[in-house]
């Protein structure tokens, strides 16, 4: 009988650093990584590309069914318009249902030769992978997240105004937290790491130590 892959769930609000951490951890432990936010950005991109309304459940659900793996790495998904629309489509229950099995299938069957799976998003530990061996909730103050986002945008050559970015983040947080379908929430057994005053290396060290300990414990139980 084949052992179930080791699964790590990383949740948190926008610009908290969870994606960067997830990619670094995946490389460190030899796991495959799925940025589940990219699924919603891809859905939003397809809606906008067709001139549709991201808030229309029928159009958004149809687009979710058309998402394909190669689209997830398309740089156009990182645009501000797509990101804003992604927050809207992510609040639609039928869209979340359409993408749920895709996420769960990745967790159960990560591409070879990965030793496990890391998924980051908003509801991984609470809904997508409630049985994940490690659940992390990465957060930071809205102001610090806005500062990071502004820095990222400016490095890309985009014009970014702090107050506008901060307002956008607060609006996204409200949509994520208040939506009925799989709201942004830390799972009861998730380990919360507030990165407001921590650098990336410190966060990585803390998270990797937790994961290494959990992997060792699982190996001892087998």
N, C-alpha and C. Protein backbone atom coordinates (compact mmCIF):
# COMPACT_ATOMS: atom_id res chain seq x y z
N UNK A 1 0.84 -1.20 0.00
CA UNK A 1 0.00 0.00 0.00
C UNK A 1 0.88 1.26 0.00
N UNK A 2 0.63 2.16 -0.93
CA UNK A 2 1.41 3.38 -1.04
C UNK A 2 1.02 4.39 0.02
N UNK A 3 2.01 4.96 0.70
CA UNK A 3 1.73 5.92 1.75
C UNK A 3 1.20 7.22 1.15
N UNK A 4 0.30 7.85 1.88
CA UNK A 4 -0.25 9.12 1.43
C UNK A 4 0.84 10.18 1.45
N UNK A 5 0.90 11.02 0.42
CA UNK A 5 1.94 12.06 0.38
C UNK A 5 1.86 12.99 1.59
N UNK A 6 2.99 13.50 2.00
CA UNK A 6 3.04 14.48 3.07
C UNK A 6 2.53 15.80 2.52
N UNK A 7 1.56 16.39 3.20
CA UNK A 7 0.92 17.61 2.70
C UNK A 7 1.11 18.77 3.68
N UNK A 8 1.49 19.91 3.13
CA UNK A 8 1.65 21.14 3.91
C UNK A 8 0.67 22.17 3.39
N UNK A 9 -0.13 22.71 4.27
CA UNK A 9 -1.11 23.74 3.92
C UNK A 9 -0.64 25.08 4.46
N UNK A 10 -0.54 26.07 3.58
CA UNK A 10 -0.11 27.40 3.99
C UNK A 10 -1.18 28.41 3.57
N UNK A 11 -1.79 29.04 4.55
CA UNK A 11 -2.84 30.02 4.29
C UNK A 11 -2.41 31.40 4.78
N UNK A 12 -3.15 32.41 4.34
CA UNK A 12 -2.89 33.76 4.80
C UNK A 12 -3.43 34.79 3.83
N UNK A 13 -3.50 36.03 4.25
CA UNK A 13 -4.02 37.10 3.39
C UNK A 13 -3.03 37.48 2.30
N UNK A 14 -3.48 38.32 1.38
CA UNK A 14 -2.64 38.78 0.27
C UNK A 14 -1.38 39.48 0.78
N UNK A 15 -0.26 39.23 0.11
CA UNK A 15 1.02 39.89 0.39
C UNK A 15 1.57 39.61 1.77
N UNK A 16 1.18 38.49 2.36
CA UNK A 16 1.70 38.13 3.68
C UNK A 16 3.04 37.41 3.59
N UNK A 17 3.39 36.96 2.37
CA UNK A 17 4.64 36.24 2.18
C UNK A 17 4.47 34.75 2.07
N UNK A 18 3.23 34.27 2.07
CA UNK A 18 3.00 32.83 2.07
C UNK A 18 3.46 32.16 0.78
N UNK A 19 3.30 32.85 -0.37
CA UNK A 19 3.71 32.26 -1.63
C UNK A 19 5.21 32.10 -1.73
N UNK A 20 5.94 33.13 -1.35
CA UNK A 20 7.40 33.07 -1.36
C UNK A 20 7.89 31.97 -0.43
N UNK A 21 7.28 31.89 0.75
CA UNK A 21 7.66 30.86 1.71
C UNK A 21 7.36 29.47 1.16
N UNK A 22 6.19 29.30 0.56
CA UNK A 22 5.79 27.99 0.03
C UNK A 22 6.76 27.51 -1.05
N UNK A 23 7.15 28.41 -1.95
CA UNK A 23 8.08 28.03 -3.01
C UNK A 23 9.45 27.64 -2.44
N UNK A 24 9.89 28.38 -1.45
CA UNK A 24 11.20 28.10 -0.85
C UNK A 24 11.17 26.77 -0.09
N UNK A 25 10.09 26.53 0.62
CA UNK A 25 9.96 25.27 1.35
C UNK A 25 9.88 24.08 0.40
N UNK A 26 9.16 24.26 -0.70
CA UNK A 26 9.01 23.18 -1.67
C UNK A 26 10.37 22.78 -2.24
N UNK A 27 11.18 23.76 -2.56
CA UNK A 27 12.52 23.47 -3.09
C UNK A 27 13.39 22.80 -2.02
N UNK A 28 13.27 23.27 -0.79
CA UNK A 28 14.10 22.75 0.30
C UNK A 28 13.78 21.29 0.61
N UNK A 29 12.50 20.94 0.62
CA UNK A 29 12.09 19.59 1.02
C UNK A 29 11.83 18.65 -0.17
N UNK A 30 11.96 19.15 -1.39
CA UNK A 30 11.72 18.29 -2.54
C UNK A 30 10.24 18.02 -2.77
N UNK A 31 9.40 18.98 -2.40
CA UNK A 31 7.95 18.85 -2.58
C UNK A 31 7.54 19.64 -3.83
N UNK A 32 6.35 19.33 -4.35
CA UNK A 32 5.82 20.14 -5.43
C UNK A 32 4.89 21.18 -4.83
N UNK A 33 4.78 22.31 -5.51
CA UNK A 33 4.04 23.46 -4.96
C UNK A 33 2.89 23.86 -5.87
N UNK A 34 1.76 24.13 -5.28
CA UNK A 34 0.62 24.67 -6.03
C UNK A 34 0.18 25.98 -5.39
N UNK A 35 0.29 27.04 -6.15
CA UNK A 35 -0.22 28.35 -5.73
C UNK A 35 -1.70 28.36 -6.12
N UNK A 36 -2.57 28.05 -5.17
CA UNK A 36 -3.99 27.94 -5.51
C UNK A 36 -4.59 29.28 -5.90
N UNK A 37 -3.95 30.37 -5.47
CA UNK A 37 -4.43 31.68 -5.89
C UNK A 37 -4.33 31.84 -7.39
N UNK A 38 -3.35 31.15 -8.01
CA UNK A 38 -3.19 31.22 -9.46
C UNK A 38 -4.40 30.63 -10.17
N UNK A 39 -5.07 29.68 -9.54
CA UNK A 39 -6.27 29.09 -10.14
C UNK A 39 -7.37 30.15 -10.27
N UNK A 40 -7.51 30.96 -9.23
CA UNK A 40 -8.52 32.01 -9.25
C UNK A 40 -8.11 33.17 -10.15
N UNK A 41 -6.80 33.46 -10.21
CA UNK A 41 -6.33 34.48 -11.13
C UNK A 41 -6.53 34.03 -12.58
N UNK A 42 -6.29 32.74 -12.83
CA UNK A 42 -6.51 32.21 -14.18
C UNK A 42 -7.98 32.29 -14.56
N UNK A 43 -8.84 31.97 -13.60
CA UNK A 43 -10.28 32.08 -13.85
C UNK A 43 -10.65 33.52 -14.16
N UNK A 44 -10.15 34.44 -13.36
CA UNK A 44 -10.44 35.86 -13.57
C UNK A 44 -9.90 36.33 -14.91
N UNK A 45 -8.70 35.88 -15.26
CA UNK A 45 -8.10 36.26 -16.53
C UNK A 45 -8.97 35.83 -17.70
N UNK A 46 -9.47 34.59 -17.64
CA UNK A 46 -10.30 34.08 -18.72
C UNK A 46 -11.62 34.85 -18.82
N UNK A 47 -12.16 35.23 -17.67
CA UNK A 47 -13.39 36.03 -17.67
C UNK A 47 -13.14 37.39 -18.32
N UNK A 48 -12.09 38.06 -17.89
CA UNK A 48 -11.77 39.39 -18.42
C UNK A 48 -11.41 39.33 -19.90
N UNK A 49 -10.72 38.27 -20.29
CA UNK A 49 -10.29 38.12 -21.69
C UNK A 49 -11.51 38.02 -22.61
N UNK A 50 -12.59 37.45 -22.07
CA UNK A 50 -13.82 37.30 -22.84
C UNK A 50 -14.76 38.49 -22.68
N UNK A 51 -14.28 39.52 -21.92
CA UNK A 51 -15.10 40.70 -21.72
C UNK A 51 -16.25 40.48 -20.76
N UNK A 52 -16.13 39.45 -19.89
CA UNK A 52 -17.20 39.12 -18.96
C UNK A 52 -17.10 39.86 -17.63
N UNK A 53 -18.12 39.71 -16.83
CA UNK A 53 -18.19 40.31 -15.51
C UNK A 53 -17.71 39.29 -14.48
N UNK A 54 -16.63 39.56 -13.74
CA UNK A 54 -16.12 38.60 -12.75
C UNK A 54 -17.15 38.25 -11.68
N UNK A 55 -18.12 39.10 -11.46
CA UNK A 55 -19.13 38.84 -10.43
C UNK A 55 -20.27 37.96 -10.92
N UNK A 56 -20.28 37.63 -12.21
CA UNK A 56 -21.35 36.80 -12.79
C UNK A 56 -21.02 35.32 -12.51
N UNK A 57 -21.81 34.64 -11.68
CA UNK A 57 -21.51 33.24 -11.31
C UNK A 57 -21.44 32.29 -12.48
N UNK A 58 -22.32 32.46 -13.46
CA UNK A 58 -22.36 31.55 -14.60
C UNK A 58 -21.09 31.70 -15.44
N UNK A 59 -20.74 32.92 -15.75
CA UNK A 59 -19.54 33.19 -16.56
C UNK A 59 -18.28 32.75 -15.81
N UNK A 60 -18.21 33.07 -14.52
CA UNK A 60 -17.03 32.73 -13.73
C UNK A 60 -16.86 31.22 -13.58
N UNK A 61 -17.97 30.50 -13.34
CA UNK A 61 -17.89 29.05 -13.20
C UNK A 61 -17.47 28.39 -14.51
N UNK A 62 -17.97 28.92 -15.61
CA UNK A 62 -17.58 28.39 -16.93
C UNK A 62 -16.09 28.59 -17.16
N UNK A 63 -15.59 29.75 -16.77
CA UNK A 63 -14.16 30.03 -16.93
C UNK A 63 -13.32 29.11 -16.05
N UNK A 64 -13.79 28.85 -14.83
CA UNK A 64 -13.06 27.96 -13.92
C UNK A 64 -12.88 26.58 -14.53
N UNK A 65 -13.88 26.14 -15.28
CA UNK A 65 -13.80 24.83 -15.91
C UNK A 65 -12.84 24.79 -17.08
N UNK A 66 -12.37 25.94 -17.53
CA UNK A 66 -11.46 26.02 -18.67
C UNK A 66 -10.01 26.23 -18.26
N UNK A 67 -9.76 26.36 -16.95
CA UNK A 67 -8.39 26.59 -16.46
C UNK A 67 -7.52 25.36 -16.76
N UNK A 68 -6.34 25.59 -17.30
CA UNK A 68 -5.42 24.50 -17.63
C UNK A 68 -4.05 24.81 -17.01
N UNK A 69 -3.25 23.78 -16.69
CA UNK A 69 -2.00 23.95 -15.95
C UNK A 69 -1.05 25.00 -16.50
N UNK A 70 -0.81 25.02 -17.80
CA UNK A 70 0.17 25.95 -18.37
C UNK A 70 -0.22 27.41 -18.16
N UNK A 71 -1.52 27.66 -18.05
CA UNK A 71 -2.00 29.03 -17.87
C UNK A 71 -1.54 29.61 -16.53
N UNK A 72 -1.31 28.75 -15.55
CA UNK A 72 -0.97 29.21 -14.20
C UNK A 72 0.36 29.96 -14.14
N UNK A 73 1.24 29.73 -15.10
CA UNK A 73 2.53 30.41 -15.11
C UNK A 73 2.56 31.61 -16.06
N UNK A 74 1.42 31.95 -16.62
CA UNK A 74 1.34 33.09 -17.54
C UNK A 74 1.55 34.39 -16.76
N UNK A 75 2.54 35.21 -17.12
CA UNK A 75 2.81 36.46 -16.37
C UNK A 75 1.64 37.44 -16.38
N UNK A 76 0.74 37.31 -17.32
CA UNK A 76 -0.41 38.21 -17.38
C UNK A 76 -1.34 38.04 -16.18
N UNK A 77 -1.22 36.90 -15.50
CA UNK A 77 -2.06 36.65 -14.33
C UNK A 77 -1.67 37.53 -13.16
N UNK A 78 -0.49 38.17 -13.21
CA UNK A 78 0.01 38.97 -12.09
C UNK A 78 -0.41 40.44 -12.19
N UNK A 79 -1.15 40.80 -13.22
CA UNK A 79 -1.59 42.18 -13.37
C UNK A 79 -2.57 42.58 -12.29
N UNK A 80 -2.64 43.86 -11.99
CA UNK A 80 -3.52 44.35 -10.93
C UNK A 80 -4.99 44.11 -11.24
N UNK A 81 -5.39 44.27 -12.49
CA UNK A 81 -6.79 44.06 -12.86
C UNK A 81 -7.21 42.61 -12.65
N UNK A 82 -6.31 41.70 -13.01
CA UNK A 82 -6.60 40.28 -12.83
C UNK A 82 -6.65 39.94 -11.34
N UNK A 83 -5.71 40.48 -10.56
CA UNK A 83 -5.69 40.21 -9.13
C UNK A 83 -6.97 40.68 -8.45
N UNK A 84 -7.43 41.87 -8.84
CA UNK A 84 -8.67 42.40 -8.25
C UNK A 84 -9.85 41.54 -8.63
N UNK A 85 -9.90 41.11 -9.89
CA UNK A 85 -11.01 40.27 -10.35
C UNK A 85 -10.96 38.89 -9.71
N UNK A 86 -9.74 38.41 -9.44
CA UNK A 86 -9.58 37.09 -8.81
C UNK A 86 -10.23 37.07 -7.43
N UNK A 87 -10.11 38.17 -6.70
CA UNK A 87 -10.72 38.25 -5.37
C UNK A 87 -12.24 38.18 -5.47
N UNK A 88 -12.78 38.67 -6.58
CA UNK A 88 -14.23 38.65 -6.79
C UNK A 88 -14.71 37.25 -7.16
N UNK A 89 -14.04 36.60 -8.12
CA UNK A 89 -14.48 35.26 -8.53
C UNK A 89 -14.26 34.24 -7.41
N UNK A 90 -13.26 34.49 -6.56
CA UNK A 90 -12.97 33.55 -5.47
C UNK A 90 -14.08 33.52 -4.43
N UNK A 91 -14.92 34.54 -4.42
CA UNK A 91 -16.01 34.58 -3.45
C UNK A 91 -17.27 33.87 -3.96
N UNK A 92 -17.23 33.37 -5.19
CA UNK A 92 -18.39 32.71 -5.79
C UNK A 92 -18.36 31.21 -5.48
N UNK A 93 -19.33 30.69 -4.75
CA UNK A 93 -19.32 29.27 -4.34
C UNK A 93 -19.13 28.28 -5.48
N UNK A 94 -19.79 28.49 -6.61
CA UNK A 94 -19.68 27.51 -7.70
C UNK A 94 -18.29 27.51 -8.31
N UNK A 95 -17.59 28.62 -8.25
CA UNK A 95 -16.21 28.67 -8.73
C UNK A 95 -15.32 27.88 -7.80
N UNK A 96 -15.50 28.06 -6.51
CA UNK A 96 -14.69 27.34 -5.53
C UNK A 96 -14.92 25.84 -5.65
N UNK A 97 -16.18 25.45 -5.87
CA UNK A 97 -16.48 24.02 -6.04
C UNK A 97 -15.80 23.47 -7.29
N UNK A 98 -15.80 24.27 -8.35
CA UNK A 98 -15.22 23.81 -9.62
C UNK A 98 -13.71 23.58 -9.50
N UNK A 99 -13.06 24.33 -8.62
CA UNK A 99 -11.60 24.23 -8.49
C UNK A 99 -11.16 23.37 -7.31
N UNK A 100 -12.09 22.99 -6.46
CA UNK A 100 -11.74 22.24 -5.24
C UNK A 100 -11.11 20.89 -5.54
N UNK A 101 -11.73 20.09 -6.41
CA UNK A 101 -11.21 18.76 -6.68
C UNK A 101 -9.85 18.81 -7.36
N UNK A 102 -9.62 19.83 -8.17
CA UNK A 102 -8.32 19.99 -8.81
C UNK A 102 -7.23 20.15 -7.75
N UNK A 103 -7.53 20.96 -6.73
CA UNK A 103 -6.56 21.19 -5.65
C UNK A 103 -6.34 19.92 -4.83
N UNK A 104 -7.42 19.24 -4.51
CA UNK A 104 -7.30 18.02 -3.71
C UNK A 104 -6.56 16.92 -4.47
N UNK A 105 -6.79 16.85 -5.77
CA UNK A 105 -6.10 15.85 -6.58
C UNK A 105 -4.60 16.11 -6.58
N UNK A 106 -4.22 17.39 -6.64
CA UNK A 106 -2.79 17.74 -6.59
C UNK A 106 -2.17 17.30 -5.27
N UNK A 107 -2.91 17.51 -4.17
CA UNK A 107 -2.39 17.13 -2.85
C UNK A 107 -2.20 15.62 -2.73
N UNK A 108 -3.13 14.86 -3.28
CA UNK A 108 -3.06 13.40 -3.19
C UNK A 108 -2.08 12.82 -4.20
N UNK A 109 -1.96 13.48 -5.35
CA UNK A 109 -1.09 12.95 -6.41
C UNK A 109 -0.13 14.03 -6.92
N UNK A 110 0.79 14.51 -6.07
CA UNK A 110 1.75 15.52 -6.55
C UNK A 110 2.61 14.91 -7.66
N UNK A 111 2.96 15.69 -8.68
CA UNK A 111 3.77 15.17 -9.80
C UNK A 111 5.07 14.53 -9.31
N UNK A 112 5.40 13.40 -9.88
CA UNK A 112 6.67 12.73 -9.57
C UNK A 112 7.82 13.62 -10.03
N UNK A 113 8.98 13.60 -9.35
CA UNK A 113 9.33 12.75 -8.21
C UNK A 113 9.13 13.44 -6.86
N UNK A 114 8.20 14.36 -6.77
CA UNK A 114 7.99 15.10 -5.53
C UNK A 114 7.68 14.16 -4.37
N UNK A 115 8.22 14.48 -3.20
CA UNK A 115 8.02 13.66 -2.01
C UNK A 115 6.75 14.06 -1.26
N UNK A 116 6.14 15.15 -1.67
CA UNK A 116 4.93 15.62 -1.00
C UNK A 116 4.41 16.85 -1.72
N UNK A 117 3.42 17.49 -1.11
CA UNK A 117 2.79 18.64 -1.74
C UNK A 117 2.67 19.81 -0.77
N UNK A 118 2.90 21.00 -1.29
CA UNK A 118 2.67 22.23 -0.54
C UNK A 118 1.65 23.05 -1.32
N UNK A 119 0.56 23.40 -0.67
CA UNK A 119 -0.45 24.23 -1.29
C UNK A 119 -0.59 25.51 -0.48
N UNK A 120 -0.60 26.66 -1.15
CA UNK A 120 -0.83 27.89 -0.43
C UNK A 120 -2.06 28.60 -0.99
N UNK A 121 -2.79 29.24 -0.09
CA UNK A 121 -4.02 29.91 -0.51
C UNK A 121 -4.71 30.57 0.66
N UNK A 122 -6.03 30.50 0.66
CA UNK A 122 -6.83 31.14 1.70
C UNK A 122 -7.57 30.11 2.58
N UNK A 123 -7.84 28.92 2.01
CA UNK A 123 -8.67 27.93 2.72
C UNK A 123 -8.09 26.53 2.63
N UNK A 124 -6.78 26.42 2.51
CA UNK A 124 -6.17 25.10 2.32
C UNK A 124 -6.31 24.25 3.59
N UNK A 125 -5.92 24.80 4.72
CA UNK A 125 -5.98 24.04 5.97
C UNK A 125 -7.39 23.82 6.47
N UNK A 126 -8.30 24.74 6.15
CA UNK A 126 -9.66 24.66 6.67
C UNK A 126 -10.61 23.87 5.77
N UNK A 127 -10.39 23.89 4.45
CA UNK A 127 -11.34 23.27 3.52
C UNK A 127 -10.68 22.29 2.56
N UNK A 128 -9.66 22.73 1.85
CA UNK A 128 -9.07 21.90 0.79
C UNK A 128 -8.37 20.68 1.35
N UNK A 129 -7.48 20.88 2.33
CA UNK A 129 -6.71 19.77 2.90
C UNK A 129 -6.77 19.80 4.42
N UNK A 130 -7.94 19.54 5.01
CA UNK A 130 -8.07 19.59 6.46
C UNK A 130 -7.23 18.55 7.20
N UNK A 131 -6.76 17.53 6.47
CA UNK A 131 -5.94 16.48 7.09
C UNK A 131 -4.45 16.69 6.83
N UNK A 132 -4.07 17.86 6.36
CA UNK A 132 -2.66 18.14 6.08
C UNK A 132 -1.80 17.92 7.33
N UNK A 133 -0.61 17.38 7.13
CA UNK A 133 0.28 17.10 8.26
C UNK A 133 0.75 18.37 8.96
N UNK A 134 0.96 19.42 8.19
CA UNK A 134 1.38 20.71 8.75
C UNK A 134 0.49 21.80 8.18
N UNK A 135 -0.02 22.66 9.07
CA UNK A 135 -0.84 23.79 8.64
C UNK A 135 -0.22 25.07 9.20
N UNK A 136 0.08 25.98 8.31
CA UNK A 136 0.65 27.26 8.70
C UNK A 136 -0.29 28.38 8.25
N UNK A 137 -0.42 29.40 9.09
CA UNK A 137 -1.18 30.58 8.72
C UNK A 137 -0.23 31.76 8.81
N UNK A 138 0.12 32.29 7.65
CA UNK A 138 1.11 33.38 7.56
C UNK A 138 0.37 34.71 7.44
N UNK A 139 0.67 35.63 8.34
CA UNK A 139 -0.03 36.91 8.32
C UNK A 139 0.95 38.05 8.59
N UNK A 140 0.45 39.27 8.46
CA UNK A 140 1.23 40.48 8.73
C UNK A 140 0.24 41.63 8.76
N UNK A 141 0.63 42.75 9.32
CA UNK A 141 -0.26 43.90 9.36
C UNK A 141 -0.57 44.36 7.94
N UNK A 142 -1.72 44.99 7.76
CA UNK A 142 -2.11 45.49 6.43
C UNK A 142 -1.09 46.50 5.91
N UNK A 143 -0.58 47.33 6.80
CA UNK A 143 0.39 48.35 6.40
C UNK A 143 1.69 47.72 5.89
N UNK A 144 2.16 46.69 6.58
CA UNK A 144 3.39 46.04 6.16
C UNK A 144 3.18 45.29 4.85
N UNK A 145 2.03 44.68 4.70
CA UNK A 145 1.74 43.97 3.45
C UNK A 145 1.65 44.95 2.28
N UNK A 146 1.06 46.11 2.53
CA UNK A 146 0.97 47.13 1.48
C UNK A 146 2.36 47.63 1.10
N UNK A 147 3.22 47.80 2.10
CA UNK A 147 4.59 48.26 1.82
C UNK A 147 5.31 47.25 0.94
N UNK A 148 5.17 45.98 1.24
CA UNK A 148 5.81 44.94 0.45
C UNK A 148 5.28 44.92 -0.98
N UNK A 149 3.97 45.07 -1.10
CA UNK A 149 3.34 45.04 -2.42
C UNK A 149 3.80 46.23 -3.26
N UNK A 150 3.89 47.39 -2.66
CA UNK A 150 4.36 48.58 -3.37
C UNK A 150 5.78 48.36 -3.87
N UNK A 151 6.62 47.82 -3.00
CA UNK A 151 8.02 47.55 -3.38
C UNK A 151 8.09 46.57 -4.54
N UNK A 152 7.26 45.53 -4.49
CA UNK A 152 7.23 44.53 -5.56
C UNK A 152 6.80 45.16 -6.89
N UNK A 153 5.75 45.97 -6.85
CA UNK A 153 5.25 46.61 -8.07
C UNK A 153 6.27 47.57 -8.66
N UNK A 154 6.94 48.32 -7.81
CA UNK A 154 7.93 49.28 -8.31
C UNK A 154 9.13 48.58 -8.91
N UNK A 155 9.49 47.41 -8.35
CA UNK A 155 10.59 46.63 -8.91
C UNK A 155 10.23 46.12 -10.30
N UNK A 156 8.93 45.96 -10.53
CA UNK A 156 8.45 45.51 -11.84
C UNK A 156 8.28 46.68 -12.81
N UNK A 157 8.57 47.89 -12.32
CA UNK A 157 8.45 49.05 -13.17
C UNK A 157 7.09 49.69 -13.18
N UNK A 158 6.21 49.24 -12.30
CA UNK A 158 4.85 49.79 -12.25
C UNK A 158 4.79 50.97 -11.28
N UNK A 159 3.84 51.85 -11.52
CA UNK A 159 3.60 52.97 -10.62
C UNK A 159 2.70 52.48 -9.49
N UNK A 160 3.13 52.67 -8.25
CA UNK A 160 2.34 52.18 -7.11
C UNK A 160 2.29 53.25 -6.02
N UNK A 161 1.09 53.57 -5.58
CA UNK A 161 0.88 54.55 -4.53
C UNK A 161 0.45 53.81 -3.27
N UNK A 162 1.16 54.03 -2.18
CA UNK A 162 0.95 53.27 -0.95
C UNK A 162 -0.51 53.29 -0.49
N UNK A 163 -1.13 54.46 -0.41
CA UNK A 163 -2.49 54.54 0.13
C UNK A 163 -3.47 53.76 -0.74
N UNK A 164 -3.25 53.75 -2.05
CA UNK A 164 -4.14 53.01 -2.95
C UNK A 164 -3.96 51.51 -2.76
N UNK A 165 -2.71 51.08 -2.66
CA UNK A 165 -2.43 49.66 -2.47
C UNK A 165 -2.99 49.19 -1.12
N UNK A 166 -2.82 50.01 -0.09
CA UNK A 166 -3.34 49.67 1.24
C UNK A 166 -4.85 49.52 1.21
N UNK A 167 -5.54 50.45 0.56
CA UNK A 167 -6.99 50.37 0.47
C UNK A 167 -7.43 49.12 -0.28
N UNK A 168 -6.72 48.80 -1.36
CA UNK A 168 -7.03 47.61 -2.14
C UNK A 168 -6.87 46.35 -1.30
N UNK A 169 -5.79 46.28 -0.51
CA UNK A 169 -5.56 45.11 0.34
C UNK A 169 -6.66 44.97 1.39
N UNK A 170 -7.06 46.08 1.98
CA UNK A 170 -8.12 46.04 2.99
C UNK A 170 -9.44 45.56 2.38
N UNK A 171 -9.71 45.98 1.16
CA UNK A 171 -10.94 45.54 0.49
C UNK A 171 -10.88 44.05 0.17
N UNK A 172 -9.71 43.59 -0.25
CA UNK A 172 -9.55 42.15 -0.54
C UNK A 172 -9.69 41.34 0.75
N UNK A 173 -9.07 41.83 1.81
CA UNK A 173 -9.18 41.13 3.10
C UNK A 173 -10.65 40.99 3.50
N UNK A 174 -11.41 42.07 3.34
CA UNK A 174 -12.81 42.06 3.72
C UNK A 174 -13.58 41.04 2.89
N UNK A 175 -13.33 41.01 1.58
CA UNK A 175 -14.02 40.03 0.73
C UNK A 175 -13.65 38.61 1.13
N UNK A 176 -12.36 38.38 1.40
CA UNK A 176 -11.90 37.03 1.74
C UNK A 176 -12.46 36.56 3.08
N UNK A 177 -12.49 37.45 4.04
CA UNK A 177 -12.93 37.09 5.39
C UNK A 177 -14.45 36.96 5.49
N UNK A 178 -15.16 37.81 4.77
CA UNK A 178 -16.62 37.87 4.91
C UNK A 178 -17.39 36.97 3.95
N UNK A 179 -16.71 36.38 2.96
CA UNK A 179 -17.45 35.54 2.01
C UNK A 179 -18.00 34.31 2.72
N UNK A 180 -19.13 33.82 2.24
CA UNK A 180 -19.76 32.65 2.85
C UNK A 180 -19.03 31.36 2.50
N UNK A 181 -18.54 31.29 1.28
CA UNK A 181 -17.87 30.06 0.83
C UNK A 181 -16.39 30.09 1.21
N UNK A 182 -16.00 29.19 2.10
CA UNK A 182 -14.59 29.02 2.48
C UNK A 182 -13.89 30.34 2.77
N UNK A 183 -14.32 31.06 3.79
CA UNK A 183 -13.68 32.34 4.12
C UNK A 183 -12.24 32.16 4.58
N UNK A 184 -11.48 33.25 4.48
CA UNK A 184 -10.11 33.24 4.97
C UNK A 184 -10.14 33.12 6.49
N UNK A 185 -9.56 32.02 6.98
CA UNK A 185 -9.55 31.77 8.41
C UNK A 185 -8.42 30.80 8.74
N UNK A 186 -7.82 30.98 9.88
CA UNK A 186 -6.79 30.03 10.31
C UNK A 186 -7.48 28.77 10.84
N UNK A 187 -7.08 27.62 10.35
CA UNK A 187 -7.63 26.37 10.86
C UNK A 187 -7.32 26.28 12.36
N UNK A 188 -8.19 25.63 13.14
CA UNK A 188 -7.99 25.54 14.59
C UNK A 188 -6.63 24.99 14.99
N UNK A 189 -6.09 24.08 14.16
CA UNK A 189 -4.80 23.47 14.49
C UNK A 189 -3.64 24.06 13.68
N UNK A 190 -3.86 25.21 13.05
CA UNK A 190 -2.79 25.85 12.28
C UNK A 190 -1.84 26.61 13.20
N UNK A 191 -0.59 26.66 12.81
CA UNK A 191 0.41 27.43 13.54
C UNK A 191 0.49 28.81 12.88
N UNK A 192 0.20 29.84 13.65
CA UNK A 192 0.18 31.20 13.11
C UNK A 192 1.56 31.84 13.23
N UNK A 193 2.03 32.39 12.11
CA UNK A 193 3.31 33.10 12.11
C UNK A 193 3.05 34.52 11.59
N UNK A 194 3.24 35.49 12.47
CA UNK A 194 3.07 36.89 12.10
C UNK A 194 4.42 37.40 11.58
N UNK A 195 4.46 37.75 10.30
CA UNK A 195 5.72 38.13 9.66
C UNK A 195 5.96 39.64 9.65
N UNK A 196 5.13 40.41 10.33
CA UNK A 196 5.23 41.87 10.27
C UNK A 196 6.64 42.34 10.58
N UNK A 197 7.26 41.78 11.61
CA UNK A 197 8.60 42.22 12.02
C UNK A 197 9.66 41.15 11.81
N UNK A 198 9.37 40.20 10.93
CA UNK A 198 10.32 39.13 10.66
C UNK A 198 10.80 39.20 9.21
N UNK A 199 12.09 38.89 9.00
CA UNK A 199 12.57 38.85 7.63
C UNK A 199 12.30 37.46 7.05
N UNK A 200 12.46 37.33 5.74
CA UNK A 200 12.12 36.09 5.05
C UNK A 200 12.91 34.89 5.56
N UNK A 201 14.19 35.10 5.88
CA UNK A 201 15.03 34.00 6.35
C UNK A 201 14.56 33.47 7.70
N UNK A 202 14.15 34.38 8.57
CA UNK A 202 13.68 33.97 9.90
C UNK A 202 12.38 33.17 9.78
N UNK A 203 11.49 33.63 8.92
CA UNK A 203 10.22 32.93 8.71
C UNK A 203 10.48 31.54 8.13
N UNK A 204 11.38 31.47 7.16
CA UNK A 204 11.72 30.18 6.55
C UNK A 204 12.30 29.22 7.57
N UNK A 205 13.21 29.70 8.38
CA UNK A 205 13.85 28.84 9.39
C UNK A 205 12.81 28.30 10.37
N UNK A 206 11.91 29.18 10.81
CA UNK A 206 10.89 28.76 11.75
C UNK A 206 9.96 27.71 11.13
N UNK A 207 9.53 27.96 9.90
CA UNK A 207 8.62 27.05 9.23
C UNK A 207 9.30 25.72 8.89
N UNK A 208 10.53 25.79 8.39
CA UNK A 208 11.22 24.57 8.00
C UNK A 208 11.53 23.68 9.19
N UNK A 209 11.80 24.26 10.34
CA UNK A 209 12.03 23.48 11.55
C UNK A 209 10.76 22.74 11.97
N UNK A 210 9.63 23.42 11.88
CA UNK A 210 8.34 22.80 12.21
C UNK A 210 8.05 21.63 11.28
N UNK A 211 8.30 21.84 9.99
CA UNK A 211 8.01 20.81 9.00
C UNK A 211 8.96 19.63 9.14
N UNK A 212 10.23 19.90 9.35
CA UNK A 212 11.21 18.82 9.51
C UNK A 212 10.85 17.93 10.69
N UNK A 213 10.39 18.57 11.78
CA UNK A 213 9.99 17.82 12.96
C UNK A 213 8.77 16.94 12.65
N UNK A 214 7.81 17.49 11.90
CA UNK A 214 6.60 16.74 11.57
C UNK A 214 6.92 15.57 10.63
N UNK A 215 7.83 15.79 9.69
CA UNK A 215 8.23 14.71 8.78
C UNK A 215 8.89 13.58 9.55
N UNK A 216 9.76 13.94 10.48
CA UNK A 216 10.44 12.92 11.28
C UNK A 216 9.45 12.13 12.12
N UNK A 217 8.47 12.82 12.69
CA UNK A 217 7.45 12.15 13.50
C UNK A 217 6.64 11.17 12.66
N UNK A 218 6.30 11.57 11.43
CA UNK A 218 5.53 10.68 10.56
C UNK A 218 6.34 9.46 10.17
N UNK A 219 7.62 9.66 9.91
CA UNK A 219 8.49 8.54 9.53
C UNK A 219 8.60 7.54 10.68
N UNK A 220 8.64 8.05 11.90
CA UNK A 220 8.74 7.17 13.06
C UNK A 220 7.46 6.35 13.28
N UNK A 221 6.34 6.87 12.80
CA UNK A 221 5.06 6.20 12.98
C UNK A 221 4.82 5.13 11.93
N UNK A 222 5.58 5.20 10.83
CA UNK A 222 5.37 4.24 9.73
C UNK A 222 6.15 2.95 9.94
